[in-house]
N, C-alpha and C. Protein backbone atom coordinates (compact mmCIF):
# COMPACT_ATOMS: atom_id res chain seq x y z
N MET A 1 6.73 7.27 -13.59
CA MET A 1 6.85 8.07 -12.79
C MET A 1 7.60 8.03 -11.54
N SER A 2 8.58 8.41 -10.87
CA SER A 2 9.64 7.92 -9.96
C SER A 2 9.15 8.96 -8.55
N ILE A 3 9.51 7.88 -7.54
CA ILE A 3 9.36 8.75 -6.27
C ILE A 3 10.63 9.59 -5.97
N PRO A 4 10.51 10.81 -5.78
CA PRO A 4 11.62 11.88 -5.56
C PRO A 4 12.57 11.21 -4.45
N SER A 5 13.82 11.36 -4.46
CA SER A 5 14.49 10.50 -3.51
C SER A 5 14.44 11.44 -1.84
N SER A 6 14.04 12.67 -1.91
CA SER A 6 13.78 13.16 -0.81
C SER A 6 12.72 12.71 -0.15
N TRP A 7 12.04 12.06 -0.70
CA TRP A 7 10.67 11.58 -0.27
C TRP A 7 11.34 10.19 0.43
N MET A 8 12.57 9.25 0.33
CA MET A 8 12.93 8.34 0.89
C MET A 8 14.09 8.52 1.58
N PRO A 9 13.84 9.13 3.04
CA PRO A 9 14.92 9.15 3.81
C PRO A 9 15.63 7.88 4.55
N ASN A 10 16.70 8.06 4.69
CA ASN A 10 17.21 6.91 5.47
C ASN A 10 16.43 6.58 6.45
N ALA A 11 16.35 5.25 6.74
CA ALA A 11 15.57 4.41 7.25
C ALA A 11 15.69 3.08 7.53
N THR A 12 15.11 2.14 8.63
CA THR A 12 15.39 0.79 8.24
C THR A 12 14.14 0.36 8.48
N ILE A 13 13.48 -0.34 7.23
CA ILE A 13 12.45 -0.65 6.73
C ILE A 13 12.31 -1.94 6.49
N ALA A 14 11.04 -2.79 6.89
CA ALA A 14 11.22 -4.43 7.06
C ALA A 14 9.94 -4.69 5.83
N ARG A 15 9.34 -3.92 5.42
CA ARG A 15 8.25 -4.09 4.76
C ARG A 15 7.52 -2.93 3.81
N VAL A 16 6.64 -3.32 3.03
CA VAL A 16 5.62 -2.25 2.24
C VAL A 16 4.26 -2.63 2.44
N ILE A 17 3.60 -2.07 3.11
CA ILE A 17 2.01 -2.66 3.35
C ILE A 17 0.98 -1.93 2.21
N LEU A 18 0.34 -2.47 1.35
CA LEU A 18 -0.60 -1.72 0.25
C LEU A 18 -1.77 -1.62 0.79
N HIS A 19 -2.69 -0.34 0.65
CA HIS A 19 -3.49 -0.32 1.21
C HIS A 19 -4.79 0.31 -0.15
N TRP A 20 -5.99 0.66 0.21
CA TRP A 20 -6.60 1.64 -0.38
C TRP A 20 -7.23 2.60 0.80
N THR A 21 -7.59 3.51 0.12
CA THR A 21 -8.14 4.66 1.29
C THR A 21 -9.61 4.46 1.88
N ALA A 22 -10.26 3.61 0.79
CA ALA A 22 -11.86 3.87 1.01
C ALA A 22 -12.57 5.05 0.96
N GLY A 23 -11.69 6.02 0.35
CA GLY A 23 -12.30 7.21 -0.20
C GLY A 23 -12.57 7.78 -1.69
N ALA A 24 -12.23 8.79 -1.74
CA ALA A 24 -12.20 9.44 -3.15
C ALA A 24 -10.89 9.07 -4.06
N HIS A 25 -11.12 9.57 -5.34
CA HIS A 25 -9.95 9.03 -6.11
C HIS A 25 -8.70 10.38 -6.03
N LYS A 26 -8.79 11.44 -5.34
CA LYS A 26 -7.86 12.18 -4.78
C LYS A 26 -7.61 12.24 -3.31
N ALA A 27 -6.31 12.48 -3.18
CA ALA A 27 -5.87 12.62 -1.71
C ALA A 27 -6.45 13.70 -1.00
N THR A 28 -6.38 13.32 0.44
CA THR A 28 -7.16 14.29 1.09
C THR A 28 -6.12 14.40 2.23
N ASP A 29 -6.19 15.63 3.25
CA ASP A 29 -5.28 15.85 4.16
C ASP A 29 -5.29 14.63 5.33
N PHE A 30 -6.64 14.04 5.43
CA PHE A 30 -6.79 13.14 6.24
C PHE A 30 -6.04 11.99 5.88
N ASP A 31 -6.13 11.52 4.59
CA ASP A 31 -5.28 10.61 3.52
C ASP A 31 -3.76 10.83 4.11
N ARG A 32 -3.61 11.55 3.88
CA ARG A 32 -1.85 12.26 3.82
C ARG A 32 -1.72 11.96 5.41
N GLN A 33 -2.02 12.17 6.27
CA GLN A 33 -1.83 11.77 7.74
C GLN A 33 -1.81 10.53 8.21
N HIS A 34 -2.02 9.25 7.13
CA HIS A 34 -1.87 8.17 7.73
C HIS A 34 -1.27 6.73 6.74
N TYR A 35 -0.60 7.72 5.46
CA TYR A 35 0.18 7.02 4.83
C TYR A 35 1.40 7.83 4.19
N HIS A 36 2.57 6.93 3.85
CA HIS A 36 3.69 7.87 3.46
C HIS A 36 3.39 8.17 1.66
N LEU A 37 2.88 7.40 1.02
CA LEU A 37 2.77 7.42 -0.29
C LEU A 37 1.17 7.25 -0.86
N LEU A 38 0.87 8.01 -1.56
CA LEU A 38 -0.51 7.84 -1.94
C LEU A 38 -0.89 8.11 -3.28
N ILE A 39 -1.58 7.12 -4.16
CA ILE A 39 -1.59 7.19 -5.53
C ILE A 39 -2.86 7.55 -5.59
N GLU A 40 -2.94 8.50 -6.87
CA GLU A 40 -4.52 9.28 -7.24
C GLU A 40 -4.81 8.32 -8.08
N ASP A 41 -6.41 8.20 -9.03
CA ASP A 41 -6.77 7.46 -9.76
C ASP A 41 -6.04 7.57 -11.03
N ASP A 42 -5.16 8.71 -11.41
CA ASP A 42 -4.52 8.86 -12.73
C ASP A 42 -3.08 7.93 -12.59
N GLY A 43 -2.88 7.74 -11.34
CA GLY A 43 -1.25 7.36 -11.06
C GLY A 43 -0.43 8.18 -10.61
N LYS A 44 -0.97 9.56 -10.69
CA LYS A 44 -0.11 10.80 -9.66
C LYS A 44 0.25 10.27 -8.20
N LEU A 45 1.65 10.59 -8.04
CA LEU A 45 1.81 10.19 -6.77
C LEU A 45 1.94 11.60 -5.67
N ILE A 46 1.42 11.17 -4.46
CA ILE A 46 1.11 12.28 -3.52
C ILE A 46 1.78 11.76 -2.47
N ARG A 47 2.85 12.79 -1.80
CA ARG A 47 3.57 12.52 -0.42
C ARG A 47 2.86 12.59 0.92
N GLY A 48 2.59 11.48 1.48
CA GLY A 48 2.22 11.80 2.76
C GLY A 48 2.73 12.40 3.93
N ILE A 49 1.99 13.28 4.71
CA ILE A 49 2.68 13.92 5.84
C ILE A 49 4.04 13.14 6.87
N PRO A 50 3.53 12.15 7.39
CA PRO A 50 4.82 11.60 8.21
C PRO A 50 5.89 10.96 7.28
N THR A 51 6.86 11.24 7.64
CA THR A 51 8.33 10.18 6.53
C THR A 51 8.36 9.21 6.91
N ILE A 52 8.91 8.63 6.09
CA ILE A 52 9.24 7.19 6.36
C ILE A 52 10.12 7.04 7.34
N ASP A 53 11.14 7.65 7.72
CA ASP A 53 12.06 7.42 9.00
C ASP A 53 10.99 7.50 9.98
N LEU A 54 10.30 7.94 10.32
CA LEU A 54 9.36 7.86 11.65
C LEU A 54 8.74 6.68 11.66
N ASN A 55 8.58 5.66 10.85
CA ASN A 55 8.13 4.39 10.98
C ASN A 55 9.43 3.40 11.16
N SER A 56 10.59 3.81 10.97
CA SER A 56 11.94 2.99 11.01
C SER A 56 12.10 1.97 12.23
N LEU A 57 12.43 0.80 11.97
CA LEU A 57 13.05 0.02 13.24
C LEU A 57 14.08 0.72 13.96
N PRO A 58 14.36 0.18 15.32
CA PRO A 58 13.56 -0.65 16.25
C PRO A 58 12.31 -0.20 16.67
N ARG A 59 11.91 1.07 16.65
CA ARG A 59 10.76 1.68 17.09
C ARG A 59 10.31 3.13 16.59
N ALA A 60 8.75 3.11 16.07
CA ALA A 60 8.52 4.25 15.58
C ALA A 60 8.52 5.14 16.51
N ARG A 61 8.60 6.30 15.70
CA ARG A 61 8.80 7.72 16.51
C ARG A 61 7.39 8.72 16.43
N SER A 62 7.17 9.39 17.38
CA SER A 62 6.27 10.36 17.25
C SER A 62 5.93 10.74 15.85
N GLY A 63 4.73 10.84 15.53
CA GLY A 63 4.07 11.40 14.43
C GLY A 63 3.81 10.19 13.01
N TYR A 64 4.40 9.13 13.74
CA TYR A 64 4.78 7.85 12.45
C TYR A 64 3.12 7.84 11.91
N ALA A 65 3.38 7.04 10.54
CA ALA A 65 2.12 7.10 9.71
C ALA A 65 1.52 5.60 10.24
N ALA A 66 0.17 6.09 11.16
CA ALA A 66 -0.57 4.61 11.44
C ALA A 66 -1.36 4.24 10.33
N HIS A 67 -0.91 3.18 9.57
CA HIS A 67 -2.08 2.79 8.89
C HIS A 67 -1.98 1.20 9.00
N THR A 68 -1.47 0.39 9.72
CA THR A 68 -1.91 -0.89 9.95
C THR A 68 -1.95 -1.39 11.61
N LEU A 69 -2.81 -1.60 12.06
CA LEU A 69 -3.15 -2.00 13.46
C LEU A 69 -1.78 -3.20 13.81
N ASN A 70 -1.08 -2.43 15.00
CA ASN A 70 0.29 -3.03 15.57
C ASN A 70 0.95 -3.64 14.56
N CYS A 71 1.25 -3.08 13.25
CA CYS A 71 2.45 -3.22 12.29
C CYS A 71 2.79 -2.05 11.66
N ASN A 72 2.96 -1.12 12.25
CA ASN A 72 3.57 0.11 11.75
C ASN A 72 5.11 0.32 11.67
N THR A 73 5.54 -0.01 13.03
CA THR A 73 6.97 -0.04 12.78
C THR A 73 7.55 -0.87 12.21
N GLY A 74 8.53 -0.29 11.47
CA GLY A 74 9.39 -1.17 9.95
C GLY A 74 8.49 -1.46 8.94
N SER A 75 7.40 -0.63 8.68
CA SER A 75 6.29 -0.96 7.80
C SER A 75 6.31 0.64 6.83
N ILE A 76 6.49 0.47 5.61
CA ILE A 76 6.02 1.63 4.85
C ILE A 76 4.33 1.61 4.45
N GLY A 77 3.76 2.61 4.29
CA GLY A 77 2.35 2.53 3.88
C GLY A 77 2.25 2.84 2.78
N VAL A 78 1.49 2.49 1.79
CA VAL A 78 1.70 2.76 0.31
C VAL A 78 -0.34 2.80 0.19
N SER A 79 -0.96 3.71 -0.22
CA SER A 79 -2.33 3.59 -0.47
C SER A 79 -2.74 4.31 -1.60
N MET A 80 -3.91 3.71 -2.37
CA MET A 80 -4.15 4.09 -3.58
C MET A 80 -5.50 4.59 -3.45
N CYS A 81 -5.87 6.14 -3.70
CA CYS A 81 -7.11 6.67 -3.29
C CYS A 81 -8.06 6.21 -4.10
N ALA A 82 -9.05 5.11 -3.33
CA ALA A 82 -9.94 4.60 -4.15
C ALA A 82 -11.02 4.06 -3.05
N MET A 83 -12.00 3.55 -3.48
CA MET A 83 -12.83 2.50 -3.09
C MET A 83 -14.15 3.28 -1.89
N ALA A 84 -14.48 4.30 -2.48
CA ALA A 84 -15.42 5.11 -1.32
C ALA A 84 -16.74 4.01 -1.77
N GLY A 85 -17.29 4.21 -0.60
CA GLY A 85 -18.63 3.27 -0.83
C GLY A 85 -18.50 1.84 -1.15
N ALA A 86 -17.60 1.39 -1.10
CA ALA A 86 -17.37 0.08 -1.48
C ALA A 86 -17.92 -1.19 -0.57
N ILE A 87 -18.04 -2.22 -0.90
CA ILE A 87 -18.66 -3.50 -0.06
C ILE A 87 -18.09 -4.61 -0.71
N GLU A 88 -17.68 -5.26 0.17
CA GLU A 88 -17.05 -6.40 0.09
C GLU A 88 -17.99 -7.70 -0.41
N ARG A 89 -18.93 -7.94 0.40
CA ARG A 89 -19.88 -9.08 -0.06
C ARG A 89 -21.38 -8.44 -0.16
N PRO A 90 -22.36 -8.78 -1.22
CA PRO A 90 -21.70 -9.01 -2.29
C PRO A 90 -20.74 -7.85 -2.85
N PHE A 91 -19.81 -8.19 -3.80
CA PHE A 91 -19.12 -7.06 -4.13
C PHE A 91 -19.38 -5.95 -4.79
N LYS A 92 -19.03 -4.83 -4.60
CA LYS A 92 -19.53 -3.21 -5.17
C LYS A 92 -18.37 -2.50 -5.17
N ALA A 93 -17.74 -1.99 -6.09
CA ALA A 93 -16.65 -1.19 -6.07
C ALA A 93 -17.05 0.03 -5.65
N GLY A 94 -17.89 0.37 -5.23
CA GLY A 94 -18.37 1.71 -4.83
C GLY A 94 -18.15 2.85 -6.04
N THR A 95 -18.27 4.36 -5.41
CA THR A 95 -18.53 5.28 -6.32
C THR A 95 -16.78 5.89 -7.06
N GLN A 96 -15.73 5.33 -6.35
CA GLN A 96 -14.35 5.59 -6.76
C GLN A 96 -13.53 4.43 -6.84
N PRO A 97 -13.89 3.29 -7.89
CA PRO A 97 -13.13 2.18 -7.82
C PRO A 97 -11.70 2.31 -7.93
N LEU A 98 -11.18 1.45 -7.47
CA LEU A 98 -9.54 1.33 -7.92
C LEU A 98 -9.17 1.40 -9.26
N THR A 99 -8.45 2.12 -9.86
CA THR A 99 -8.06 1.92 -11.34
C THR A 99 -6.88 1.05 -11.76
N LYS A 100 -6.86 0.59 -12.88
CA LYS A 100 -5.31 -0.06 -13.35
C LYS A 100 -4.12 0.88 -13.44
N ALA A 101 -4.48 2.17 -13.52
CA ALA A 101 -3.51 3.24 -13.56
C ALA A 101 -2.74 3.36 -12.07
N GLN A 102 -3.89 3.22 -10.97
CA GLN A 102 -3.27 3.21 -9.95
C GLN A 102 -2.65 2.02 -9.23
N TRP A 103 -3.01 0.81 -9.80
CA TRP A 103 -2.34 -0.66 -9.69
C TRP A 103 -0.81 -0.42 -9.96
N ASP A 104 -1.06 -0.18 -11.30
CA ASP A 104 0.30 0.15 -11.97
C ASP A 104 1.59 1.16 -11.51
N ALA A 105 0.80 2.29 -11.21
CA ALA A 105 1.73 3.14 -10.36
C ALA A 105 2.23 2.59 -8.91
N ALA A 106 1.19 1.75 -8.47
CA ALA A 106 1.64 1.39 -7.07
C ALA A 106 2.65 0.50 -7.08
N SER A 107 2.61 -0.33 -8.08
CA SER A 107 3.86 -1.51 -8.20
C SER A 107 4.97 -0.99 -8.57
N GLN A 108 4.95 -0.19 -9.50
CA GLN A 108 6.22 0.80 -9.88
C GLN A 108 7.13 1.30 -8.37
N ALA A 109 6.04 2.04 -7.74
CA ALA A 109 6.58 2.81 -6.49
C ALA A 109 6.86 1.92 -5.85
N VAL A 110 6.36 0.90 -5.44
CA VAL A 110 6.71 -0.25 -4.49
C VAL A 110 7.88 -0.88 -4.77
N ALA A 111 8.36 -1.04 -6.08
CA ALA A 111 9.42 -1.45 -6.46
C ALA A 111 10.45 -0.70 -6.45
N GLU A 112 10.53 0.75 -6.48
CA GLU A 112 11.28 1.85 -6.27
C GLU A 112 11.83 1.78 -4.45
N LEU A 113 10.81 1.51 -3.69
CA LEU A 113 10.98 1.56 -2.22
C LEU A 113 11.64 0.04 -1.81
N CYS A 114 11.24 -1.07 -2.63
CA CYS A 114 12.00 -2.07 -2.51
C CYS A 114 13.51 -2.44 -2.90
N ARG A 115 13.86 -1.51 -3.91
CA ARG A 115 15.14 -1.18 -4.20
C ARG A 115 15.73 -0.51 -3.06
N ARG A 116 15.17 0.96 -2.77
CA ARG A 116 15.93 2.04 -1.89
C ARG A 116 16.17 1.18 -0.65
N TYR A 117 15.09 0.44 0.05
CA TYR A 117 15.33 -0.02 1.23
C TYR A 117 15.76 -1.45 1.27
N THR A 118 16.24 -2.26 0.07
CA THR A 118 16.71 -3.49 0.23
C THR A 118 15.65 -4.57 0.92
N ILE A 119 14.19 -4.17 0.43
CA ILE A 119 13.25 -4.98 0.98
C ILE A 119 13.00 -6.03 0.32
N PRO A 120 13.41 -7.54 0.47
CA PRO A 120 12.83 -8.58 -0.61
C PRO A 120 11.44 -8.59 -0.77
N VAL A 121 11.12 -9.03 -1.92
CA VAL A 121 9.88 -9.14 -2.37
C VAL A 121 9.18 -10.49 -2.15
N GLY A 122 8.49 -10.57 -0.91
CA GLY A 122 7.40 -11.96 -0.57
C GLY A 122 6.29 -11.51 0.07
N PRO A 123 5.56 -12.81 0.29
CA PRO A 123 4.16 -12.51 0.94
C PRO A 123 4.37 -11.86 2.62
N ARG A 124 5.40 -11.79 3.11
CA ARG A 124 5.57 -11.14 4.51
C ARG A 124 6.07 -9.74 4.48
N THR A 125 6.63 -9.09 3.42
CA THR A 125 7.64 -8.30 2.77
C THR A 125 6.82 -7.35 2.37
N VAL A 126 6.12 -7.75 1.17
CA VAL A 126 5.15 -6.81 0.38
C VAL A 126 4.14 -7.56 0.32
N LEU A 127 2.74 -7.00 1.07
CA LEU A 127 1.58 -7.39 1.23
C LEU A 127 0.61 -6.52 1.36
N SER A 128 -0.74 -6.76 1.06
CA SER A 128 -1.73 -5.88 1.61
C SER A 128 -2.18 -5.90 2.69
N HIS A 129 -3.02 -5.01 3.14
CA HIS A 129 -3.65 -4.73 4.48
C HIS A 129 -4.76 -6.03 4.90
N ALA A 130 -4.92 -6.51 3.34
CA ALA A 130 -6.01 -7.79 3.97
C ALA A 130 -5.38 -9.04 3.90
N GLU A 131 -3.65 -9.27 3.70
CA GLU A 131 -2.93 -10.35 3.87
C GLU A 131 -2.29 -10.26 5.27
N VAL A 132 -2.27 -9.10 6.16
CA VAL A 132 -1.37 -8.85 7.15
C VAL A 132 -2.06 -9.85 8.23
N GLN A 133 -2.98 -10.05 8.27
CA GLN A 133 -3.54 -11.20 9.73
C GLN A 133 -2.98 -12.70 8.99
N ALA A 134 -3.38 -13.18 7.95
CA ALA A 134 -3.06 -14.46 7.34
C ALA A 134 -1.39 -14.64 7.48
N ASN A 135 -1.02 -13.59 6.88
CA ASN A 135 0.67 -13.90 6.77
C ASN A 135 1.47 -13.12 7.72
N LEU A 136 1.18 -12.30 8.67
CA LEU A 136 1.99 -11.98 9.95
C LEU A 136 1.24 -12.52 10.97
N GLY A 137 0.13 -12.86 10.90
CA GLY A 137 -0.34 -13.50 12.38
C GLY A 137 -0.63 -11.98 13.36
N ILE A 138 -0.85 -10.87 12.50
CA ILE A 138 -1.17 -9.91 13.44
C ILE A 138 -2.87 -9.28 13.13
N GLN A 139 -3.45 -9.61 14.18
CA GLN A 139 -5.07 -9.52 14.18
C GLN A 139 -5.53 -8.49 13.76
N GLN A 140 -6.28 -8.33 12.51
CA GLN A 140 -6.79 -6.61 12.11
C GLN A 140 -8.05 -6.74 12.29
N ARG A 141 -8.79 -5.51 11.74
CA ARG A 141 -10.16 -5.29 12.19
C ARG A 141 -11.01 -5.46 10.91
N GLY A 142 -11.16 -6.70 10.20
CA GLY A 142 -12.25 -6.76 8.99
C GLY A 142 -11.47 -6.07 7.89
N LYS A 143 -10.10 -5.51 7.85
CA LYS A 143 -9.70 -4.71 6.63
C LYS A 143 -9.42 -5.84 5.43
N TRP A 144 -10.27 -5.46 4.21
CA TRP A 144 -10.14 -6.34 3.30
C TRP A 144 -9.72 -5.59 1.94
N ASP A 145 -8.64 -4.58 2.05
CA ASP A 145 -8.00 -3.88 1.31
C ASP A 145 -6.48 -4.15 1.04
N ILE A 146 -6.52 -5.30 0.09
CA ILE A 146 -6.79 -5.35 -1.18
C ILE A 146 -7.31 -6.63 -1.46
N ALA A 147 -8.58 -7.07 -1.74
CA ALA A 147 -8.98 -8.31 -1.59
C ALA A 147 -10.00 -8.70 -2.77
N LYS A 148 -10.36 -7.44 -3.74
CA LYS A 148 -10.75 -7.65 -4.86
C LYS A 148 -10.18 -6.41 -6.04
N LEU A 149 -9.86 -6.89 -7.25
CA LEU A 149 -9.44 -5.92 -7.95
C LEU A 149 -10.84 -5.70 -9.24
N PRO A 150 -11.51 -4.42 -8.81
CA PRO A 150 -12.36 -3.97 -9.73
C PRO A 150 -12.36 -3.95 -11.09
N PHE A 151 -10.77 -3.79 -11.80
CA PHE A 151 -10.60 -3.80 -13.35
C PHE A 151 -10.40 -5.25 -13.74
N ASP A 152 -10.22 -6.10 -12.64
CA ASP A 152 -9.95 -7.27 -13.07
C ASP A 152 -10.56 -8.25 -12.05
N PRO A 153 -12.10 -8.72 -12.28
CA PRO A 153 -12.86 -9.41 -11.32
C PRO A 153 -12.05 -11.10 -10.98
N ALA A 154 -11.31 -11.56 -12.05
CA ALA A 154 -10.74 -12.72 -11.71
C ALA A 154 -10.17 -13.04 -10.52
N PHE A 155 -9.50 -11.43 -9.99
CA PHE A 155 -8.39 -11.71 -9.00
C PHE A 155 -9.64 -11.20 -7.65
N ASP A 156 -10.05 -12.32 -6.74
CA ASP A 156 -10.87 -12.13 -6.00
C ASP A 156 -11.07 -12.52 -4.51
N THR A 157 -9.68 -12.58 -4.26
CA THR A 157 -8.89 -13.06 -2.79
C THR A 157 -7.93 -12.15 -2.59
N PRO A 158 -7.73 -11.66 -1.02
CA PRO A 158 -6.25 -11.31 -0.75
C PRO A 158 -5.24 -11.88 -1.28
N ARG A 159 -5.05 -13.23 -1.44
CA ARG A 159 -3.60 -14.12 -2.00
C ARG A 159 -3.79 -13.75 -3.34
N GLU A 160 -4.90 -13.87 -3.78
CA GLU A 160 -4.45 -13.70 -5.37
C GLU A 160 -4.27 -12.32 -5.81
N CYS A 161 -4.91 -11.27 -5.00
CA CYS A 161 -4.03 -10.04 -5.29
C CYS A 161 -3.05 -9.94 -5.06
N GLY A 162 -2.69 -10.14 -4.02
CA GLY A 162 -1.09 -10.06 -3.16
C GLY A 162 -0.26 -10.87 -4.05
N ASP A 163 -0.55 -12.03 -4.84
CA ASP A 163 0.56 -12.54 -5.72
C ASP A 163 0.60 -11.61 -6.67
N ARG A 164 -0.43 -11.13 -7.22
CA ARG A 164 -0.53 -10.82 -8.69
C ARG A 164 0.34 -9.48 -8.60
N PHE A 165 0.33 -8.55 -7.28
CA PHE A 165 0.99 -7.60 -7.09
C PHE A 165 2.59 -7.53 -6.77
N ARG A 166 2.94 -8.78 -6.09
CA ARG A 166 4.24 -9.12 -5.80
C ARG A 166 4.89 -9.32 -7.33
N ALA A 167 4.14 -10.18 -8.30
CA ALA A 167 4.83 -10.56 -9.21
C ALA A 167 5.15 -9.43 -10.57
N GLU A 168 4.19 -8.23 -10.23
CA GLU A 168 4.45 -7.21 -10.99
C GLU A 168 5.68 -6.37 -10.35
N VAL A 169 5.79 -6.30 -8.96
CA VAL A 169 6.76 -5.75 -8.39
C VAL A 169 8.18 -6.32 -8.74
N ILE A 170 8.22 -7.82 -8.84
CA ILE A 170 9.44 -8.40 -9.21
C ILE A 170 9.81 -7.85 -10.87
N ALA A 171 8.90 -8.05 -11.53
CA ALA A 171 9.26 -7.72 -12.78
C ALA A 171 9.49 -6.43 -13.08
N LYS A 172 9.13 -5.29 -12.16
CA LYS A 172 9.51 -4.42 -12.21
C LYS A 172 10.94 -3.73 -11.90
N LEU A 173 11.17 -4.51 -11.02
CA LEU A 173 12.52 -4.85 -10.29
C LEU A 173 13.52 -5.05 -11.24
N GLY A 174 13.33 -6.17 -12.14
CA GLY A 174 13.97 -6.63 -13.07
C GLY A 174 14.42 -5.71 -14.25
N ARG A 175 13.70 -4.52 -14.58
CA ARG A 175 13.84 -3.70 -15.55
C ARG A 175 15.32 -2.71 -15.29
């Protein structure tokens, strides 16, 4: 599934930040207000309400997607609809766990975004919300999306999940 070109307007973008909604497997209007692109449990892409150009550098414009504290300008917010009722420690994936189909669709979508906006793939440019504080030095409020993969428990730190995601994005860019 490809992102329609009309969803990717001209903009100056520095990074893509990956999230989960902490909600149900289907996108809600509330979810759509905060992200540019959402991915439902079956991998279906849903367009967010704010357009990517509203988050463009050098300054976000009115109505931008507010997805990451103090890190929205120049950032595209991509979120997988999942993890309602999840608990970080001890880990419980909740009633709507993140699916492999979502993960795969997200890495494909982010590869397309990186190609369109000429974003190099690295830990400061393609990262999860859980990596923002460590990788960019921007204080966050205990966000742990994505610090664990319910479909693959071997990946259970933000860095491990982020490295796996970046490797899959790079592989898809090579196709």
